[in-house]
N, C-alpha and C. Protein backbone atom coordinates (compact mmCIF):
# COMPACT_ATOMS: atom_id res chain seq x y z
N MET A 1 -3.66 -31.50 1.26
CA MET A 1 -3.36 -30.71 0.08
C MET A 1 -1.89 -30.88 -0.21
N ASP A 2 -1.59 -31.26 -1.42
CA ASP A 2 -0.22 -31.46 -1.84
C ASP A 2 0.20 -30.25 -2.65
N VAL A 3 0.94 -29.33 -2.03
CA VAL A 3 1.31 -28.08 -2.67
C VAL A 3 2.35 -28.31 -3.75
N LYS A 4 3.21 -29.28 -3.54
CA LYS A 4 4.30 -29.54 -4.48
C LYS A 4 3.75 -29.86 -5.87
N HIS A 5 2.73 -30.69 -5.93
CA HIS A 5 2.17 -31.09 -7.22
C HIS A 5 0.88 -30.36 -7.55
N LYS A 6 0.50 -29.40 -6.70
CA LYS A 6 -0.72 -28.60 -6.87
C LYS A 6 -1.96 -29.48 -6.99
N LYS A 7 -2.01 -30.54 -6.22
CA LYS A 7 -3.19 -31.39 -6.16
C LYS A 7 -3.88 -31.13 -4.84
N HIS A 8 -5.17 -31.12 -4.86
CA HIS A 8 -5.93 -30.93 -3.63
C HIS A 8 -6.71 -32.21 -3.39
N GLU A 9 -6.38 -32.90 -2.33
CA GLU A 9 -7.05 -34.15 -2.02
C GLU A 9 -7.78 -34.00 -0.70
N THR A 10 -8.92 -34.65 -0.60
CA THR A 10 -9.66 -34.64 0.66
C THR A 10 -9.32 -35.91 1.42
N PRO A 11 -9.37 -35.85 2.74
CA PRO A 11 -9.09 -37.05 3.52
C PRO A 11 -10.10 -38.15 3.23
N LYS A 12 -9.64 -39.39 3.30
CA LYS A 12 -10.51 -40.53 2.99
C LYS A 12 -11.59 -40.72 4.04
N GLU A 13 -11.39 -40.19 5.24
CA GLU A 13 -12.40 -40.33 6.28
C GLU A 13 -13.67 -39.58 5.91
N GLN A 14 -13.58 -38.61 5.01
CA GLN A 14 -14.74 -37.82 4.66
C GLN A 14 -15.56 -38.45 3.53
N MET A 15 -15.07 -39.52 2.95
CA MET A 15 -15.81 -40.20 1.89
C MET A 15 -17.07 -40.83 2.48
N VAL A 16 -18.13 -40.83 1.71
CA VAL A 16 -19.42 -41.30 2.20
C VAL A 16 -19.95 -42.36 1.24
N ASP A 17 -20.66 -43.36 1.79
CA ASP A 17 -21.22 -44.42 0.97
C ASP A 17 -22.60 -44.05 0.43
N GLU A 18 -23.34 -43.23 1.13
CA GLU A 18 -24.72 -42.92 0.77
C GLU A 18 -24.78 -41.69 -0.14
N PRO A 19 -25.16 -41.83 -1.40
CA PRO A 19 -25.30 -40.66 -2.26
C PRO A 19 -26.53 -39.84 -1.85
N GLY A 20 -26.42 -38.52 -1.97
CA GLY A 20 -27.53 -37.63 -1.65
C GLY A 20 -27.61 -37.26 -0.19
N SER A 21 -26.72 -37.74 0.63
CA SER A 21 -26.75 -37.40 2.05
C SER A 21 -26.08 -36.05 2.27
N ASP A 22 -26.22 -35.52 3.49
CA ASP A 22 -25.62 -34.23 3.83
C ASP A 22 -24.10 -34.29 3.71
N SER A 23 -23.51 -35.43 4.10
CA SER A 23 -22.05 -35.51 4.02
C SER A 23 -21.60 -35.63 2.56
N ASP A 24 -22.44 -36.16 1.68
CA ASP A 24 -22.09 -36.20 0.26
C ASP A 24 -22.08 -34.79 -0.31
N THR A 25 -23.05 -33.99 0.11
CA THR A 25 -23.11 -32.59 -0.31
C THR A 25 -21.91 -31.82 0.22
N ALA A 26 -21.56 -32.10 1.47
CA ALA A 26 -20.39 -31.45 2.06
C ALA A 26 -19.13 -31.86 1.32
N GLN A 27 -19.06 -33.12 0.91
CA GLN A 27 -17.89 -33.61 0.18
C GLN A 27 -17.76 -32.90 -1.16
N SER A 28 -18.87 -32.76 -1.89
CA SER A 28 -18.81 -32.09 -3.19
C SER A 28 -18.48 -30.61 -3.01
N THR A 29 -18.98 -30.01 -1.95
CA THR A 29 -18.64 -28.61 -1.67
C THR A 29 -17.17 -28.47 -1.34
N LEU A 30 -16.64 -29.42 -0.60
CA LEU A 30 -15.22 -29.41 -0.25
C LEU A 30 -14.36 -29.58 -1.50
N GLU A 31 -14.77 -30.48 -2.39
CA GLU A 31 -14.01 -30.68 -3.63
C GLU A 31 -14.06 -29.43 -4.51
N HIS A 32 -15.24 -28.81 -4.57
CA HIS A 32 -15.36 -27.57 -5.36
C HIS A 32 -14.47 -26.47 -4.76
N GLY A 33 -14.44 -26.37 -3.43
CA GLY A 33 -13.60 -25.38 -2.77
C GLY A 33 -12.13 -25.63 -3.05
N ALA A 34 -11.72 -26.89 -3.06
CA ALA A 34 -10.33 -27.22 -3.36
C ALA A 34 -9.98 -26.85 -4.80
N GLU A 35 -10.94 -27.06 -5.71
CA GLU A 35 -10.71 -26.70 -7.11
C GLU A 35 -10.56 -25.18 -7.27
N VAL A 36 -11.43 -24.44 -6.61
CA VAL A 36 -11.38 -22.97 -6.67
C VAL A 36 -10.07 -22.46 -6.05
N LEU A 37 -9.65 -23.08 -4.96
CA LEU A 37 -8.40 -22.70 -4.33
C LEU A 37 -7.23 -22.93 -5.27
N GLY A 38 -7.22 -24.04 -5.97
CA GLY A 38 -6.16 -24.33 -6.94
C GLY A 38 -6.12 -23.29 -8.04
N GLN A 39 -7.30 -22.89 -8.53
CA GLN A 39 -7.36 -21.87 -9.58
C GLN A 39 -6.86 -20.53 -9.07
N ALA A 40 -7.21 -20.20 -7.83
CA ALA A 40 -6.77 -18.93 -7.24
C ALA A 40 -5.25 -18.93 -7.06
N GLU A 41 -4.70 -20.05 -6.60
CA GLU A 41 -3.24 -20.14 -6.44
C GLU A 41 -2.54 -19.94 -7.77
N GLU A 42 -3.08 -20.54 -8.81
CA GLU A 42 -2.48 -20.42 -10.14
C GLU A 42 -2.55 -18.98 -10.64
N ALA A 43 -3.69 -18.32 -10.44
CA ALA A 43 -3.86 -16.94 -10.89
C ALA A 43 -2.90 -16.00 -10.15
N VAL A 44 -2.77 -16.19 -8.84
CA VAL A 44 -1.86 -15.34 -8.05
C VAL A 44 -0.42 -15.59 -8.47
N SER A 45 -0.08 -16.83 -8.70
CA SER A 45 1.28 -17.17 -9.12
C SER A 45 1.61 -16.54 -10.47
N ASP A 46 0.66 -16.60 -11.42
CA ASP A 46 0.87 -15.98 -12.73
C ASP A 46 1.02 -14.47 -12.61
N ALA A 47 0.18 -13.84 -11.80
CA ALA A 47 0.26 -12.39 -11.62
C ALA A 47 1.59 -12.00 -10.99
N TYR A 48 2.04 -12.78 -10.01
CA TYR A 48 3.32 -12.49 -9.36
C TYR A 48 4.46 -12.61 -10.36
N ASP A 49 4.45 -13.65 -11.18
CA ASP A 49 5.52 -13.84 -12.17
C ASP A 49 5.56 -12.70 -13.18
N LYS A 50 4.38 -12.28 -13.66
CA LYS A 50 4.32 -11.18 -14.63
C LYS A 50 4.82 -9.88 -14.00
N THR A 51 4.42 -9.62 -12.77
CA THR A 51 4.85 -8.39 -12.09
C THR A 51 6.35 -8.40 -11.84
N ALA A 52 6.87 -9.52 -11.40
CA ALA A 52 8.31 -9.62 -11.15
C ALA A 52 9.10 -9.42 -12.43
N GLN A 53 8.61 -9.95 -13.54
CA GLN A 53 9.29 -9.77 -14.82
C GLN A 53 9.25 -8.30 -15.25
N ALA A 54 8.11 -7.64 -15.10
CA ALA A 54 8.00 -6.23 -15.49
C ALA A 54 8.90 -5.35 -14.64
N VAL A 55 8.96 -5.61 -13.34
CA VAL A 55 9.82 -4.82 -12.45
C VAL A 55 11.28 -5.04 -12.81
N SER A 56 11.64 -6.27 -13.11
CA SER A 56 13.02 -6.58 -13.48
C SER A 56 13.42 -5.87 -14.78
N GLU A 57 12.52 -5.87 -15.77
CA GLU A 57 12.81 -5.18 -17.03
C GLU A 57 12.96 -3.68 -16.82
N THR A 58 12.08 -3.09 -16.01
CA THR A 58 12.15 -1.65 -15.74
C THR A 58 13.43 -1.30 -15.00
N TYR A 59 13.84 -2.14 -14.07
CA TYR A 59 15.09 -1.91 -13.33
C TYR A 59 16.29 -1.95 -14.27
N GLU A 60 16.30 -2.92 -15.17
CA GLU A 60 17.42 -3.02 -16.12
C GLU A 60 17.46 -1.82 -17.05
N LYS A 61 16.29 -1.33 -17.49
CA LYS A 61 16.25 -0.14 -18.35
C LYS A 61 16.77 1.08 -17.60
N ALA A 62 16.39 1.22 -16.34
CA ALA A 62 16.84 2.37 -15.54
C ALA A 62 18.35 2.29 -15.32
N LYS A 63 18.86 1.09 -15.06
CA LYS A 63 20.30 0.93 -14.89
C LYS A 63 21.06 1.29 -16.17
N SER A 64 20.54 0.84 -17.29
CA SER A 64 21.17 1.13 -18.59
C SER A 64 21.16 2.64 -18.86
N TYR A 65 20.01 3.29 -18.61
CA TYR A 65 19.90 4.73 -18.84
C TYR A 65 20.87 5.49 -17.94
N SER A 66 20.96 5.09 -16.68
CA SER A 66 21.82 5.83 -15.75
C SER A 66 23.29 5.65 -16.08
N SER A 67 23.68 4.52 -16.65
CA SER A 67 25.09 4.37 -17.01
C SER A 67 25.40 5.11 -18.31
N LYS A 68 24.41 5.30 -19.20
CA LYS A 68 24.62 6.06 -20.44
C LYS A 68 24.55 7.57 -20.20
N ASN A 69 23.76 8.01 -19.22
CA ASN A 69 23.55 9.44 -18.94
C ASN A 69 23.75 9.74 -17.46
N PRO A 70 24.98 9.70 -16.97
CA PRO A 70 25.18 9.92 -15.52
C PRO A 70 24.83 11.34 -15.07
N GLY A 71 25.07 12.34 -15.90
CA GLY A 71 24.77 13.73 -15.52
C GLY A 71 23.28 13.96 -15.35
N LYS A 72 22.50 13.51 -16.33
CA LYS A 72 21.05 13.65 -16.24
C LYS A 72 20.51 12.88 -15.05
N THR A 73 21.07 11.70 -14.80
CA THR A 73 20.61 10.89 -13.68
C THR A 73 20.84 11.60 -12.36
N MET A 74 22.00 12.26 -12.21
CA MET A 74 22.28 12.99 -10.98
C MET A 74 21.31 14.16 -10.81
N LEU A 75 21.03 14.88 -11.90
CA LEU A 75 20.10 16.01 -11.81
C LEU A 75 18.68 15.54 -11.49
N ILE A 76 18.26 14.43 -12.09
CA ILE A 76 16.93 13.89 -11.79
C ILE A 76 16.86 13.48 -10.32
N THR A 77 17.92 12.82 -9.84
CA THR A 77 17.95 12.39 -8.45
C THR A 77 17.92 13.59 -7.51
N LEU A 78 18.68 14.63 -7.84
CA LEU A 78 18.69 15.85 -7.04
C LEU A 78 17.29 16.49 -7.00
N GLY A 79 16.64 16.54 -8.15
CA GLY A 79 15.30 17.11 -8.21
C GLY A 79 14.30 16.34 -7.38
N ILE A 80 14.39 15.02 -7.45
CA ILE A 80 13.49 14.19 -6.65
C ILE A 80 13.75 14.42 -5.16
N GLY A 81 15.02 14.50 -4.78
CA GLY A 81 15.37 14.72 -3.37
C GLY A 81 14.86 16.06 -2.86
N VAL A 82 15.02 17.11 -3.66
CA VAL A 82 14.55 18.44 -3.26
C VAL A 82 13.02 18.45 -3.16
N GLY A 83 12.36 17.81 -4.13
CA GLY A 83 10.89 17.75 -4.09
C GLY A 83 10.39 17.02 -2.86
N LEU A 84 11.00 15.88 -2.55
CA LEU A 84 10.60 15.14 -1.35
C LEU A 84 10.90 15.94 -0.08
N GLY A 85 12.01 16.66 -0.09
CA GLY A 85 12.34 17.49 1.06
C GLY A 85 11.30 18.56 1.31
N PHE A 86 10.85 19.21 0.24
CA PHE A 86 9.80 20.23 0.38
C PHE A 86 8.50 19.61 0.88
N LEU A 87 8.14 18.46 0.32
CA LEU A 87 6.89 17.81 0.75
C LEU A 87 6.96 17.40 2.21
N LEU A 88 8.05 16.78 2.62
CA LEU A 88 8.17 16.35 4.01
C LEU A 88 8.26 17.54 4.95
N GLY A 89 8.95 18.59 4.53
CA GLY A 89 9.06 19.79 5.36
C GLY A 89 7.71 20.46 5.55
N ALA A 90 6.94 20.53 4.47
CA ALA A 90 5.62 21.16 4.56
C ALA A 90 4.69 20.35 5.47
N SER A 91 4.74 19.03 5.34
CA SER A 91 3.86 18.22 6.19
C SER A 91 4.32 18.26 7.64
N ALA A 92 5.61 18.40 7.90
CA ALA A 92 6.10 18.48 9.27
C ALA A 92 5.69 19.81 9.90
N ARG A 93 5.69 20.87 9.11
CA ARG A 93 5.28 22.18 9.65
C ARG A 93 3.80 22.19 9.99
N ARG A 94 3.00 21.50 9.20
CA ARG A 94 1.56 21.47 9.47
C ARG A 94 1.23 20.68 10.72
N SER A 95 1.97 19.59 10.93
CA SER A 95 1.63 18.72 12.06
C SER A 95 2.37 19.09 13.33
N ALA A 96 3.40 19.95 13.25
CA ALA A 96 4.16 20.32 14.44
C ALA A 96 3.36 21.31 15.28
N PRO A 97 3.45 21.19 16.59
CA PRO A 97 2.77 22.18 17.44
C PRO A 97 3.46 23.53 17.30
N SER A 98 2.75 24.58 17.61
CA SER A 98 3.29 25.93 17.42
C SER A 98 4.16 26.37 18.59
N ALA A 99 4.67 25.45 19.33
CA ALA A 99 5.60 25.71 20.44
C ALA A 99 4.98 26.65 21.48
N GLY A 100 3.70 26.58 21.70
CA GLY A 100 3.05 27.36 22.73
C GLY A 100 2.73 28.79 22.34
N LEU A 101 3.07 29.20 21.12
CA LEU A 101 2.76 30.56 20.68
C LEU A 101 1.32 30.62 20.21
N PRO A 102 0.61 31.70 20.55
CA PRO A 102 -0.79 31.78 20.13
C PRO A 102 -0.89 32.07 18.64
N ASP A 103 -1.94 31.59 18.05
CA ASP A 103 -2.22 31.86 16.65
C ASP A 103 -2.70 33.30 16.54
N PRO A 104 -2.07 34.14 15.70
CA PRO A 104 -2.47 35.56 15.65
C PRO A 104 -3.88 35.77 15.12
N TRP A 105 -4.47 34.82 14.42
CA TRP A 105 -5.81 34.99 13.88
C TRP A 105 -6.87 34.37 14.78
N SER A 106 -6.47 33.83 15.87
CA SER A 106 -7.43 33.20 16.77
C SER A 106 -8.13 34.28 17.59
N THR A 107 -9.40 34.08 17.86
CA THR A 107 -10.13 35.07 18.65
C THR A 107 -9.75 34.97 20.12
N ARG A 108 -9.08 33.89 20.50
CA ARG A 108 -8.66 33.74 21.89
C ARG A 108 -7.29 34.38 22.14
N SER A 109 -6.68 34.89 21.09
CA SER A 109 -5.34 35.46 21.23
C SER A 109 -5.41 36.82 21.92
N PRO A 110 -4.69 37.00 23.02
CA PRO A 110 -4.73 38.29 23.71
C PRO A 110 -4.18 39.43 22.88
N THR A 111 -3.19 39.16 22.03
CA THR A 111 -2.63 40.23 21.19
C THR A 111 -3.66 40.73 20.20
N LEU A 112 -4.39 39.82 19.60
CA LEU A 112 -5.41 40.21 18.63
C LEU A 112 -6.51 41.00 19.31
N LEU A 113 -6.93 40.58 20.49
CA LEU A 113 -7.95 41.31 21.21
C LEU A 113 -7.46 42.70 21.61
N TRP A 114 -6.20 42.82 22.00
CA TRP A 114 -5.65 44.11 22.39
C TRP A 114 -5.56 45.04 21.19
N ARG A 115 -5.20 44.51 20.00
CA ARG A 115 -5.05 45.33 18.81
C ARG A 115 -6.38 45.93 18.37
N PHE A 116 -7.44 45.16 18.46
CA PHE A 116 -8.72 45.62 17.95
C PHE A 116 -9.68 46.11 19.02
N SER A 117 -9.22 46.23 20.24
CA SER A 117 -10.13 46.70 21.27
C SER A 117 -10.32 48.21 21.13
N ILE A 118 -11.46 48.67 21.52
CA ILE A 118 -11.76 50.11 21.47
C ILE A 118 -11.20 50.73 22.73
N LYS A 119 -10.33 51.69 22.50
CA LYS A 119 -9.72 52.35 23.64
C LYS A 119 -10.50 53.62 23.94
N PRO A 120 -10.75 53.87 25.21
CA PRO A 120 -11.51 55.10 25.56
C PRO A 120 -10.71 56.35 25.23
N SER A 121 -11.36 57.30 24.68
CA SER A 121 -10.67 58.56 24.36
C SER A 121 -10.74 59.46 25.59
N LEU A 122 -9.67 60.15 25.83
CA LEU A 122 -9.60 61.03 27.00
C LEU A 122 -9.85 62.45 26.68
């Protein structure tokens, strides 16, 4: 496979003299696979180029906006930072262990059992 010129060639050892044989079928399948591979490479390359161009344009627009409106940009950045801080803090609190303290709503908690136990009247 010659990537530089985007040509897909099969080795000459695979060429067959007898038409209709199994190796002839394999050869045509191999050629079809090479053709499909070339089309896939071209499609991926085009998608990458379009995406890179769109990202570049968006980056330039953001740079232009931030140089024209530095105050708004700082406030937007501050808001994003505070929002991410709250999200990360909330997820850290959920996943952090309770440092060995019992859950007050758990039925296994001795404090909860003591609070709701029936005490004998004297």
